Amino acid sequence: MKEILLNLKREFLPEDLEFRVGATNQDKTMGLALAYVQARAIQNRLDEVLGMENWKVTYREIQGGFICRLSLRIDGEWIEKEDGAQATEYESIKGGISSAFKRV
């Protein structure tokens, strides 16, 4: 279990990160850069560390967003965590699903 946790917590490579502008000043000449890991990089990490047969994800739509349930099979037991996110402004459904997945 300790080795699994260490491998899941490894830093992601720079190419696995994306950036977007968060809060801006009033005239929008300055903004806060927000870094986040790509959902695909997380999926690849789970495949690599656990094996693709030992994790699964499900989504359910809620008003204005999505709930993501991530299930990991460790030592034959399924462990589940949930978190949610609002639909996003750009590609609202895909963005909301990806955001919910990254928050779990």
PDB file of N, CA and C in Angstrom:
ATOM      1  N   MET A   1       0.824  -1.192   0.000  1.00  0.00           N
ATOM      2  CA  MET A   1       0.000   0.000   0.000  1.00  0.00           C
ATOM      3  C   MET A   1       0.872   1.261   0.000  1.00  0.00           C
ATOM      4  N   LYS A   2       1.944   1.228   0.757  1.00  0.00           N
ATOM      5  CA  LYS A   2       2.827   2.393   0.825  1.00  0.00           C
ATOM      6  C   LYS A   2       3.423   2.725  -0.548  1.00  0.00           C
ATOM      7  N   GLU A   3       3.809   1.694  -1.291  1.00  0.00           N
ATOM      8  CA  GLU A   3       4.372   1.907  -2.624  1.00  0.00           C
ATOM      9  C   GLU A   3       3.326   2.479  -3.582  1.00  0.00           C
ATOM     10  N   ILE A   4       2.098   1.987  -3.484  1.00  0.00           N
ATOM     11  CA  ILE A   4       1.013   2.512  -4.316  1.00  0.00           C
ATOM     12  C   ILE A   4       0.817   3.999  -4.044  1.00  0.00           C
ATOM     13  N   LEU A   5       0.750   4.371  -2.780  1.00  0.00           N
ATOM     14  CA  LEU A   5       0.556   5.789  -2.430  1.00  0.00           C
ATOM     15  C   LEU A   5       1.708   6.650  -2.913  1.00  0.00           C
ATOM     16  N   LEU A   6       2.926   6.177  -2.757  1.00  0.00           N
ATOM     17  CA  LEU A   6       4.083   6.946  -3.241  1.00  0.00           C
ATOM     18  C   LEU A   6       4.010   7.165  -4.748  1.00  0.00           C
ATOM     19  N   ASN A   7       3.635   6.126  -5.484  1.00  0.00           N
ATOM     20  CA  ASN A   7       3.553   6.245  -6.944  1.00  0.00           C
ATOM     21  C   ASN A   7       2.393   7.137  -7.381  1.00  0.00           C
ATOM     22  N   LEU A   8       1.272   7.091  -6.678  1.00  0.00           N
ATOM     23  CA  LEU A   8       0.155   7.972  -7.023  1.00  0.00           C
ATOM     24  C   LEU A   8       0.494   9.432  -6.740  1.00  0.00           C
ATOM     25  N   LYS A   9       1.317   9.681  -5.740  1.00  0.00           N
ATOM     26  CA  LYS A   9       1.660  11.054  -5.334  1.00  0.00           C
ATOM     27  C   LYS A   9       2.835  11.656  -6.104  1.00  0.00           C
ATOM     28  N   ARG A  10       3.464  10.880  -6.993  1.00  0.00           N
ATOM     29  CA  ARG A  10       4.592  11.419  -7.758  1.00  0.00           C
ATOM     30  C   ARG A  10       4.196  12.698  -8.496  1.00  0.00           C
ATOM     31  N   GLU A  11       5.140  13.596  -8.618  1.00  0.00           N
ATOM     32  CA  GLU A  11       4.882  14.827  -9.379  1.00  0.00           C
ATOM     33  C   GLU A  11       4.576  14.484 -10.831  1.00  0.00           C
ATOM     34  N   PHE A  12       3.694  15.272 -11.418  1.00  0.00           N
ATOM     35  CA  PHE A  12       3.405  15.121 -12.835  1.00  0.00           C
ATOM     36  C   PHE A  12       4.437  15.884 -13.645  1.00  0.00           C
ATOM     37  N   LEU A  13       4.651  15.449 -14.853  1.00  0.00           N
ATOM     38  CA  LEU A  13       5.592  16.115 -15.750  1.00  0.00           C
ATOM     39  C   LEU A  13       5.015  17.449 -16.198  1.00  0.00           C
ATOM     40  N   PRO A  14       5.878  18.407 -16.543  1.00  0.00           N
ATOM     41  CA  PRO A  14       5.384  19.710 -17.009  1.00  0.00           C
ATOM     42  C   PRO A  14       4.404  19.606 -18.178  1.00  0.00           C
ATOM     43  N   GLU A  15       4.602  18.645 -19.064  1.00  0.00           N
ATOM     44  CA  GLU A  15       3.696  18.522 -20.208  1.00  0.00           C
ATOM     45  C   GLU A  15       2.319  17.984 -19.815  1.00  0.00           C
ATOM     46  N   ASP A  16       2.169  17.509 -18.579  1.00  0.00           N
ATOM     47  CA  ASP A  16       0.871  17.051 -18.084  1.00  0.00           C
ATOM     48  C   ASP A  16       0.058  18.185 -17.451  1.00  0.00           C
ATOM     49  N   LEU A  17       0.635  19.364 -17.402  1.00  0.00           N
ATOM     50  CA  LEU A  17      -0.019  20.512 -16.775  1.00  0.00           C
ATOM     51  C   LEU A  17      -0.557  21.464 -17.823  1.00  0.00           C
ATOM     52  N   GLU A  18      -1.630  22.138 -17.471  1.00  0.00           N
ATOM     53  CA  GLU A  18      -2.182  23.205 -18.299  1.00  0.00           C
ATOM     54  C   GLU A  18      -2.397  24.416 -17.403  1.00  0.00           C
ATOM     55  N   PHE A  19      -2.518  25.561 -18.019  1.00  0.00           N
ATOM     56  CA  PHE A  19      -2.695  26.799 -17.271  1.00  0.00           C
ATOM     57  C   PHE A  19      -3.883  27.566 -17.826  1.00  0.00           C
ATOM     58  N   ARG A  20      -4.534  28.301 -16.963  1.00  0.00           N
ATOM     59  CA  ARG A  20      -5.595  29.206 -17.395  1.00  0.00           C
ATOM     60  C   ARG A  20      -5.548  30.427 -16.498  1.00  0.00           C
ATOM     61  N   VAL A  21      -6.163  31.480 -16.957  1.00  0.00           N
ATOM     62  CA  VAL A  21      -6.204  32.714 -16.186  1.00  0.00           C
ATOM     63  C   VAL A  21      -7.371  32.648 -15.211  1.00  0.00           C
ATOM     64  N   GLY A  22      -7.088  32.923 -13.959  1.00  0.00           N
ATOM     65  CA  GLY A  22      -8.128  32.967 -12.935  1.00  0.00           C
ATOM     66  C   GLY A  22      -8.603  34.396 -12.754  1.00  0.00           C
ATOM     67  N   ALA A  23      -8.612  34.855 -11.531  1.00  0.00           N
ATOM     68  CA  ALA A  23      -9.065  36.207 -11.214  1.00  0.00           C
ATOM     69  C   ALA A  23      -8.199  37.248 -11.930  1.00  0.00           C
ATOM     70  N   THR A  24      -8.823  38.315 -12.396  1.00  0.00           N
ATOM     71  CA  THR A  24      -8.107  39.399 -13.056  1.00  0.00           C
ATOM     72  C   THR A  24      -8.399  40.710 -12.336  1.00  0.00           C
ATOM     73  N   ASN A  25      -7.532  41.691 -12.589  1.00  0.00           N
ATOM     74  CA  ASN A  25      -7.824  43.015 -12.051  1.00  0.00           C
ATOM     75  C   ASN A  25      -8.952  43.646 -12.874  1.00  0.00           C
ATOM     76  N   GLN A  26      -9.406  44.807 -12.451  1.00  0.00           N
ATOM     77  CA  GLN A  26     -10.593  45.408 -13.056  1.00  0.00           C
ATOM     78  C   GLN A  26     -10.455  45.658 -14.554  1.00  0.00           C
ATOM     79  N   ASP A  27      -9.272  46.127 -14.987  1.00  0.00           N
ATOM     80  CA  ASP A  27      -9.115  46.400 -16.421  1.00  0.00           C
ATOM     81  C   ASP A  27      -8.541  45.204 -17.198  1.00  0.00           C
ATOM     82  N   LYS A  28      -8.446  44.076 -16.522  1.00  0.00           N
ATOM     83  CA  LYS A  28      -8.032  42.804 -17.139  1.00  0.00           C
ATOM     84  C   LYS A  28      -6.640  42.846 -17.752  1.00  0.00           C
ATOM     85  N   THR A  29      -5.751  43.670 -17.187  1.00  0.00           N
ATOM     86  CA  THR A  29      -4.374  43.708 -17.664  1.00  0.00           C
ATOM     87  C   THR A  29      -3.476  42.764 -16.873  1.00  0.00           C
ATOM     88  N   MET A  30      -3.957  42.276 -15.738  1.00  0.00           N
ATOM     89  CA  MET A  30      -3.210  41.313 -14.929  1.00  0.00           C
ATOM     90  C   MET A  30      -4.176  40.221 -14.469  1.00  0.00           C
ATOM     91  N   GLY A  31      -3.640  39.015 -14.370  1.00  0.00           N
ATOM     92  CA  GLY A  31      -4.475  37.903 -13.922  1.00  0.00           C
ATOM     93  C   GLY A  31      -3.665  36.891 -13.147  1.00  0.00           C
ATOM     94  N   LEU A  32      -4.359  36.061 -12.424  1.00  0.00           N
ATOM     95  CA  LEU A  32      -3.750  35.002 -11.644  1.00  0.00           C
ATOM     96  C   LEU A  32      -3.647  33.754 -12.520  1.00  0.00           C
ATOM     97  N   ALA A  33      -2.437  33.225 -12.686  1.00  0.00           N
ATOM     98  CA  ALA A  33      -2.237  32.007 -13.470  1.00  0.00           C
ATOM     99  C   ALA A  33      -2.567  30.795 -12.601  1.00  0.00           C
ATOM    100  N   LEU A  34      -3.448  29.934 -13.096  1.00  0.00           N
ATOM    101  CA  LEU A  34      -3.841  28.729 -12.374  1.00  0.00           C
ATOM    102  C   LEU A  34      -3.341  27.504 -13.126  1.00  0.00           C
ATOM    103  N   ALA A  35      -2.579  26.679 -12.448  1.00  0.00           N
ATOM    104  CA  ALA A  35      -2.064  25.448 -13.050  1.00  0.00           C
ATOM    105  C   ALA A  35      -2.943  24.283 -12.628  1.00  0.00           C
ATOM    106  N   TYR A  36      -3.173  23.369 -13.557  1.00  0.00           N
ATOM    107  CA  TYR A  36      -3.916  22.163 -13.207  1.00  0.00           C
ATOM    108  C   TYR A  36      -3.430  21.007 -14.067  1.00  0.00           C
ATOM    109  N   VAL A  37      -3.590  19.810 -13.542  1.00  0.00           N
ATOM    110  CA  VAL A  37      -3.154  18.610 -14.248  1.00  0.00           C
ATOM    111  C   VAL A  37      -4.262  18.148 -15.191  1.00  0.00           C
ATOM    112  N   GLN A  38      -3.883  17.655 -16.336  1.00  0.00           N
ATOM    113  CA  GLN A  38      -4.844  17.174 -17.317  1.00  0.00           C
ATOM    114  C   GLN A  38      -5.501  15.883 -16.821  1.00  0.00           C
ATOM    115  N   ALA A  39      -6.790  15.734 -17.071  1.00  0.00           N
ATOM    116  CA  ALA A  39      -7.514  14.525 -16.667  1.00  0.00           C
ATOM    117  C   ALA A  39      -6.870  13.283 -17.287  1.00  0.00           C
ATOM    118  N   ARG A  40      -6.431  13.372 -18.522  1.00  0.00           N
ATOM    119  CA  ARG A  40      -5.794  12.230 -19.190  1.00  0.00           C
ATOM    120  C   ARG A  40      -4.536  11.788 -18.438  1.00  0.00           C
ATOM    121  N   ALA A  41      -3.763  12.730 -17.911  1.00  0.00           N
ATOM    122  CA  ALA A  41      -2.556  12.379 -17.160  1.00  0.00           C
ATOM    123  C   ALA A  41      -2.920  11.617 -15.888  1.00  0.00           C
ATOM    124  N   ILE A  42      -4.010  11.990 -15.257  1.00  0.00           N
ATOM    125  CA  ILE A  42      -4.460  11.280 -14.054  1.00  0.00           C
ATOM    126  C   ILE A  42      -4.888   9.865 -14.427  1.00  0.00           C
ATOM    127  N   GLN A  43      -5.630   9.718 -15.507  1.00  0.00           N
ATOM    128  CA  GLN A  43      -6.062   8.399 -15.954  1.00  0.00           C
ATOM    129  C   GLN A  43      -4.859   7.516 -16.287  1.00  0.00           C
ATOM    130  N   ASN A  44      -3.874   8.079 -16.960  1.00  0.00           N
ATOM    131  CA  ASN A  44      -2.665   7.324 -17.288  1.00  0.00           C
ATOM    132  C   ASN A  44      -1.925   6.888 -16.023  1.00  0.00           C
ATOM    133  N   ARG A  45      -1.873   7.766 -15.027  1.00  0.00           N
ATOM    134  CA  ARG A  45      -1.214   7.428 -13.757  1.00  0.00           C
ATOM    135  C   ARG A  45      -1.939   6.284 -13.067  1.00  0.00           C
ATOM    136  N   LEU A  46      -3.263   6.328 -13.049  1.00  0.00           N
ATOM    137  CA  LEU A  46      -4.037   5.250 -12.429  1.00  0.00           C
ATOM    138  C   LEU A  46      -3.813   3.926 -13.167  1.00  0.00           C
ATOM    139  N   ASP A  47      -3.790   3.964 -14.504  1.00  0.00           N
ATOM    140  CA  ASP A  47      -3.500   2.753 -15.288  1.00  0.00           C
ATOM    141  C   ASP A  47      -2.127   2.191 -14.939  1.00  0.00           C
ATOM    142  N   GLU A  48      -1.149   3.085 -14.869  1.00  0.00           N
ATOM    143  CA  GLU A  48       0.233   2.683 -14.622  1.00  0.00           C
ATOM    144  C   GLU A  48       0.405   2.084 -13.224  1.00  0.00           C
ATOM    145  N   VAL A  49      -0.155   2.729 -12.222  1.00  0.00           N
ATOM    146  CA  VAL A  49       0.075   2.328 -10.830  1.00  0.00           C
ATOM    147  C   VAL A  49      -0.830   1.167 -10.409  1.00  0.00           C
ATOM    148  N   LEU A  50      -2.102   1.226 -10.802  1.00  0.00           N
ATOM    149  CA  LEU A  50      -3.068   0.227 -10.339  1.00  0.00           C
ATOM    150  C   LEU A  50      -3.400  -0.835 -11.367  1.00  0.00           C
ATOM    151  N   GLY A  51      -3.208  -0.513 -12.639  1.00  0.00           N
ATOM    152  CA  GLY A  51      -3.680  -1.383 -13.713  1.00  0.00           C
ATOM    153  C   GLY A  51      -5.078  -0.947 -14.102  1.00  0.00           C
ATOM    154  N   MET A  52      -5.364  -0.977 -15.396  1.00  0.00           N
ATOM    155  CA  MET A  52      -6.637  -0.421 -15.862  1.00  0.00           C
ATOM    156  C   MET A  52      -7.850  -1.190 -15.356  1.00  0.00           C
ATOM    157  N   GLU A  53      -7.665  -2.418 -14.903  1.00  0.00           N
ATOM    158  CA  GLU A  53      -8.793  -3.194 -14.385  1.00  0.00           C
ATOM    159  C   GLU A  53      -9.086  -2.913 -12.911  1.00  0.00           C
ATOM    160  N   ASN A  54      -8.262  -2.099 -12.273  1.00  0.00           N
ATOM    161  CA  ASN A  54      -8.387  -1.865 -10.836  1.00  0.00           C
ATOM    162  C   ASN A  54      -8.854  -0.465 -10.461  1.00  0.00           C
ATOM    163  N   TRP A  55      -9.419   0.226 -11.428  1.00  0.00           N
ATOM    164  CA  TRP A  55     -10.033   1.515 -11.106  1.00  0.00           C
ATOM    165  C   TRP A  55     -11.160   1.776 -12.097  1.00  0.00           C
ATOM    166  N   LYS A  56     -12.117   2.546 -11.672  1.00  0.00           N
ATOM    167  CA  LYS A  56     -13.225   2.937 -12.552  1.00  0.00           C
ATOM    168  C   LYS A  56     -13.783   4.260 -12.057  1.00  0.00           C
ATOM    169  N   VAL A  57     -14.474   4.919 -12.958  1.00  0.00           N
ATOM    170  CA  VAL A  57     -15.048   6.220 -12.640  1.00  0.00           C
ATOM    171  C   VAL A  57     -16.478   6.259 -13.173  1.00  0.00           C
ATOM    172  N   THR A  58     -17.366   6.854 -12.404  1.00  0.00           N
ATOM    173  CA  THR A  58     -18.743   7.060 -12.843  1.00  0.00           C
ATOM    174  C   THR A  58     -19.111   8.510 -12.565  1.00  0.00           C
ATOM    175  N   TYR A  59     -20.058   9.010 -13.343  1.00  0.00           N
ATOM    176  CA  TYR A  59     -20.505  10.400 -13.209  1.00  0.00           C
ATOM    177  C   TYR A  59     -22.014  10.423 -13.076  1.00  0.00           C
ATOM    178  N   ARG A  60     -22.496  11.393 -12.339  1.00  0.00           N
ATOM    179  CA  ARG A  60     -23.929  11.663 -12.353  1.00  0.00           C
ATOM    180  C   ARG A  60     -24.113  13.165 -12.419  1.00  0.00           C
ATOM    181  N   GLU A  61     -25.091  13.542 -13.224  1.00  0.00           N
ATOM    182  CA  GLU A  61     -25.364  14.957 -13.415  1.00  0.00           C
ATOM    183  C   GLU A  61     -26.224  15.456 -12.273  1.00  0.00           C
ATOM    184  N   ILE A  62     -25.870  16.615 -11.773  1.00  0.00           N
ATOM    185  CA  ILE A  62     -26.672  17.309 -10.778  1.00  0.00           C
ATOM    186  C   ILE A  62     -27.006  18.678 -11.343  1.00  0.00           C
ATOM    187  N   GLN A  63     -27.865  19.400 -10.684  1.00  0.00           N
ATOM    188  CA  GLN A  63     -28.237  20.720 -11.192  1.00  0.00           C
ATOM    189  C   GLN A  63     -26.998  21.608 -11.281  1.00  0.00           C
ATOM    190  N   GLY A  64     -26.643  21.976 -12.488  1.00  0.00           N
ATOM    191  CA  GLY A  64     -25.520  22.884 -12.711  1.00  0.00           C
ATOM    192  C   GLY A  64     -24.148  22.233 -12.710  1.00  0.00           C
ATOM    193  N   GLY A  65     -24.069  20.908 -12.632  1.00  0.00           N
ATOM    194  CA  GLY A  65     -22.750  20.298 -12.598  1.00  0.00           C
ATOM    195  C   GLY A  65     -22.775  18.785 -12.596  1.00  0.00           C
ATOM    196  N   PHE A  66     -21.706  18.210 -12.066  1.00  0.00           N
ATOM    197  CA  PHE A  66     -21.514  16.775 -12.098  1.00  0.00           C
ATOM    198  C   PHE A  66     -20.854  16.295 -10.814  1.00  0.00           C
ATOM    199  N   ILE A  67     -21.204  15.077 -10.414  1.00  0.00           N
ATOM    200  CA  ILE A  67     -20.529  14.387  -9.319  1.00  0.00           C
ATOM    201  C   ILE A  67     -19.743  13.246  -9.943  1.00  0.00           C
ATOM    202  N   CYS A  68     -18.491  13.118  -9.545  1.00  0.00           N
ATOM    203  CA  CYS A  68     -17.636  12.046 -10.024  1.00  0.00           C
ATOM    204  C   CYS A  68     -17.364  11.092  -8.863  1.00  0.00           C
ATOM    205  N   ARG A  69     -17.503   9.805  -9.130  1.00  0.00           N
ATOM    206  CA  ARG A  69     -17.137   8.784  -8.150  1.00  0.00           C
ATOM    207  C   ARG A  69     -15.957   8.007  -8.726  1.00  0.00           C
ATOM    208  N   LEU A  70     -14.847   8.035  -8.002  1.00  0.00           N
ATOM    209  CA  LEU A  70     -13.649   7.301  -8.381  1.00  0.00           C
ATOM    210  C   LEU A  70     -13.549   6.085  -7.471  1.00  0.00           C
ATOM    211  N   SER A  71     -13.464   4.909  -8.079  1.00  0.00           N
ATOM    212  CA  SER A  71     -13.366   3.656  -7.336  1.00  0.00           C
ATOM    213  C   SER A  71     -12.027   3.002  -7.641  1.00  0.00           C
ATOM    214  N   LEU A  72     -11.300   2.642  -6.593  1.00  0.00           N
ATOM    215  CA  LEU A  72     -10.008   1.970  -6.717  1.00  0.00           C
ATOM    216  C   LEU A  72     -10.106   0.607  -6.045  1.00  0.00           C
ATOM    217  N   ARG A  73      -9.612  -0.427  -6.721  1.00  0.00           N
ATOM    218  CA  ARG A  73      -9.568  -1.750  -6.102  1.00  0.00           C
ATOM    219  C   ARG A  73      -8.156  -1.979  -5.583  1.00  0.00           C
ATOM    220  N   ILE A  74      -8.057  -2.063  -4.263  1.00  0.00           N
ATOM    221  CA  ILE A  74      -6.768  -2.265  -3.612  1.00  0.00           C
ATOM    222  C   ILE A  74      -6.907  -3.476  -2.702  1.00  0.00           C
ATOM    223  N   ASP A  75      -6.038  -4.457  -2.893  1.00  0.00           N
ATOM    224  CA  ASP A  75      -6.085  -5.715  -2.136  1.00  0.00           C
ATOM    225  C   ASP A  75      -7.476  -6.349  -2.194  1.00  0.00           C
ATOM    226  N   GLY A  76      -8.105  -6.296  -3.372  1.00  0.00           N
ATOM    227  CA  GLY A  76      -9.400  -6.922  -3.566  1.00  0.00           C
ATOM    228  C   GLY A  76     -10.594  -6.149  -3.037  1.00  0.00           C
ATOM    229  N   GLU A  77     -10.376  -5.016  -2.413  1.00  0.00           N
ATOM    230  CA  GLU A  77     -11.452  -4.185  -1.848  1.00  0.00           C
ATOM    231  C   GLU A  77     -11.620  -2.918  -2.696  1.00  0.00           C
ATOM    232  N   TRP A  78     -12.865  -2.543  -2.951  1.00  0.00           N
ATOM    233  CA  TRP A  78     -13.140  -1.300  -3.684  1.00  0.00           C
ATOM    234  C   TRP A  78     -13.235  -0.156  -2.689  1.00  0.00           C
ATOM    235  N   ILE A  79     -12.459   0.885  -2.934  1.00  0.00           N
ATOM    236  CA  ILE A  79     -12.485   2.114  -2.139  1.00  0.00           C
ATOM    237  C   ILE A  79     -13.034   3.202  -3.050  1.00  0.00           C
ATOM    238  N   GLU A  80     -14.020   3.959  -2.560  1.00  0.00           N
ATOM    239  CA  GLU A  80     -14.672   4.960  -3.411  1.00  0.00           C
ATOM    240  C   GLU A  80     -14.601   6.342  -2.777  1.00  0.00           C
ATOM    241  N   LYS A  81     -14.387   7.333  -3.622  1.00  0.00           N
ATOM    242  CA  LYS A  81     -14.381   8.745  -3.226  1.00  0.00           C
ATOM    243  C   LYS A  81     -15.227   9.508  -4.233  1.00  0.00           C
ATOM    244  N   GLU A  82     -15.891  10.560  -3.762  1.00  0.00           N
ATOM    245  CA  GLU A  82     -16.713  11.397  -4.642  1.00  0.00           C
ATOM    246  C   GLU A  82     -16.376  12.868  -4.439  1.00  0.00           C
ATOM    247  N   ASP A  83     -16.535  13.614  -5.513  1.00  0.00           N
ATOM    248  CA  ASP A  83     -16.471  15.071  -5.457  1.00  0.00           C
ATOM    249  C   ASP A  83     -17.191  15.597  -6.681  1.00  0.00           C
ATOM    250  N   GLY A  84     -17.458  16.885  -6.701  1.00  0.00           N
ATOM    251  CA  GLY A  84     -18.222  17.445  -7.799  1.00  0.00           C
ATOM    252  C   GLY A  84     -17.639  18.748  -8.299  1.00  0.00           C
ATOM    253  N   ALA A  85     -18.190  19.179  -9.422  1.00  0.00           N
ATOM    254  CA  ALA A  85     -17.792  20.447 -10.022  1.00  0.00           C
ATOM    255  C   ALA A  85     -18.950  20.974 -10.852  1.00  0.00           C
ATOM    256  N   GLN A  86     -18.967  22.276 -11.014  1.00  0.00           N
ATOM    257  CA  GLN A  86     -19.980  22.912 -11.852  1.00  0.00           C
ATOM    258  C   GLN A  86     -19.634  22.701 -13.314  1.00  0.00           C
ATOM    259  N   ALA A  87     -20.633  22.815 -14.167  1.00  0.00           N
ATOM    260  CA  ALA A  87     -20.382  22.840 -15.600  1.00  0.00           C
ATOM    261  C   ALA A  87     -19.519  24.073 -15.887  1.00  0.00           C
ATOM    262  N   THR A  88     -18.622  23.960 -16.856  1.00  0.00           N
ATOM    263  CA  THR A  88     -17.724  25.072 -17.148  1.00  0.00           C
ATOM    264  C   THR A  88     -18.282  25.937 -18.274  1.00  0.00           C
ATOM    265  N   GLU A  89     -17.721  27.118 -18.434  1.00  0.00           N
ATOM    266  CA  GLU A  89     -18.186  28.038 -19.476  1.00  0.00           C
ATOM    267  C   GLU A  89     -17.829  27.523 -20.867  1.00  0.00           C
ATOM    268  N   TYR A  90     -16.654  26.923 -20.996  1.00  0.00           N
ATOM    269  CA  TYR A  90     -16.190  26.419 -22.287  1.00  0.00           C
ATOM    270  C   TYR A  90     -16.376  24.909 -22.291  1.00  0.00           C
ATOM    271  N   GLU A  91     -17.045  24.362 -23.273  1.00  0.00           N
ATOM    272  CA  GLU A  91     -17.360  22.935 -23.338  1.00  0.00           C
ATOM    273  C   GLU A  91     -17.950  22.498 -22.000  1.00  0.00           C
ATOM    274  N   SER A  92     -19.116  23.029 -21.683  1.00  0.00           N
ATOM    275  CA  SER A  92     -19.678  22.921 -20.343  1.00  0.00           C
ATOM    276  C   SER A  92     -19.774  21.495 -19.813  1.00  0.00           C
ATOM    277  N   ILE A  93     -20.218  20.551 -20.625  1.00  0.00           N
ATOM    278  CA  ILE A  93     -20.361  19.178 -20.133  1.00  0.00           C
ATOM    279  C   ILE A  93     -18.992  18.521 -19.975  1.00  0.00           C
ATOM    280  N   LYS A  94     -18.173  18.540 -21.019  1.00  0.00           N
ATOM    281  CA  LYS A  94     -16.844  17.939 -20.936  1.00  0.00           C
ATOM    282  C   LYS A  94     -16.022  18.610 -19.844  1.00  0.00           C
ATOM    283  N   GLY A  95     -16.075  19.924 -19.791  1.00  0.00           N
ATOM    284  CA  GLY A  95     -15.321  20.651 -18.772  1.00  0.00           C
ATOM    285  C   GLY A  95     -15.774  20.320 -17.368  1.00  0.00           C
ATOM    286  N   GLY A  96     -17.073  20.229 -17.163  1.00  0.00           N
ATOM    287  CA  GLY A  96     -17.602  19.889 -15.845  1.00  0.00           C
ATOM    288  C   GLY A  96     -17.232  18.494 -15.416  1.00  0.00           C
ATOM    289  N   ILE A  97     -17.304  17.549 -16.354  1.00  0.00           N
ATOM    290  CA  ILE A  97     -16.931  16.163 -16.049  1.00  0.00           C
ATOM    291  C   ILE A  97     -15.448  16.075 -15.714  1.00  0.00           C
ATOM    292  N   SER A  98     -14.595  16.712 -16.525  1.00  0.00           N
ATOM    293  CA  SER A  98     -13.157  16.687 -16.261  1.00  0.00           C
ATOM    294  C   SER A  98     -12.834  17.340 -14.926  1.00  0.00           C
ATOM    295  N   SER A  99     -13.480  18.450 -14.633  1.00  0.00           N
ATOM    296  CA  SER A  99     -13.231  19.128 -13.362  1.00  0.00           C
ATOM    297  C   SER A  99     -13.646  18.267 -12.188  1.00  0.00           C
ATOM    298  N   ALA A 100     -14.787  17.595 -12.295  1.00  0.00           N
ATOM    299  CA  ALA A 100     -15.241  16.723 -11.208  1.00  0.00           C
ATOM    300  C   ALA A 100     -14.261  15.579 -11.004  1.00  0.00           C
ATOM    301  N   PHE A 101     -13.756  14.997 -12.111  1.00  0.00           N
ATOM    302  CA  PHE A 101     -12.791  13.905 -12.016  1.00  0.00           C
ATOM    303  C   PHE A 101     -11.521  14.350 -11.319  1.00  0.00           C
ATOM    304  N   LYS A 102     -11.022  15.538 -11.659  1.00  0.00           N
ATOM    305  CA  LYS A 102      -9.771  16.023 -11.088  1.00  0.00           C
ATOM    306  C   LYS A 102      -9.917  16.372  -9.608  1.00  0.00           C
ATOM    307  N   ARG A 103     -11.124  16.655  -9.163  1.00  0.00           N
ATOM    308  CA  ARG A 103     -11.323  17.033  -7.765  1.00  0.00           C
ATOM    309  C   ARG A 103     -11.383  15.836  -6.842  1.00  0.00           C
ATOM    310  N   VAL A 104     -11.749  14.665  -7.398  1.00  0.00           N
ATOM    311  CA  VAL A 104     -11.842  13.457  -6.548  1.00  0.00           C
ATOM    312  C   VAL A 104     -10.486  13.164  -6.055  1.00  0.00           C
TER     313      VAL A 104
END
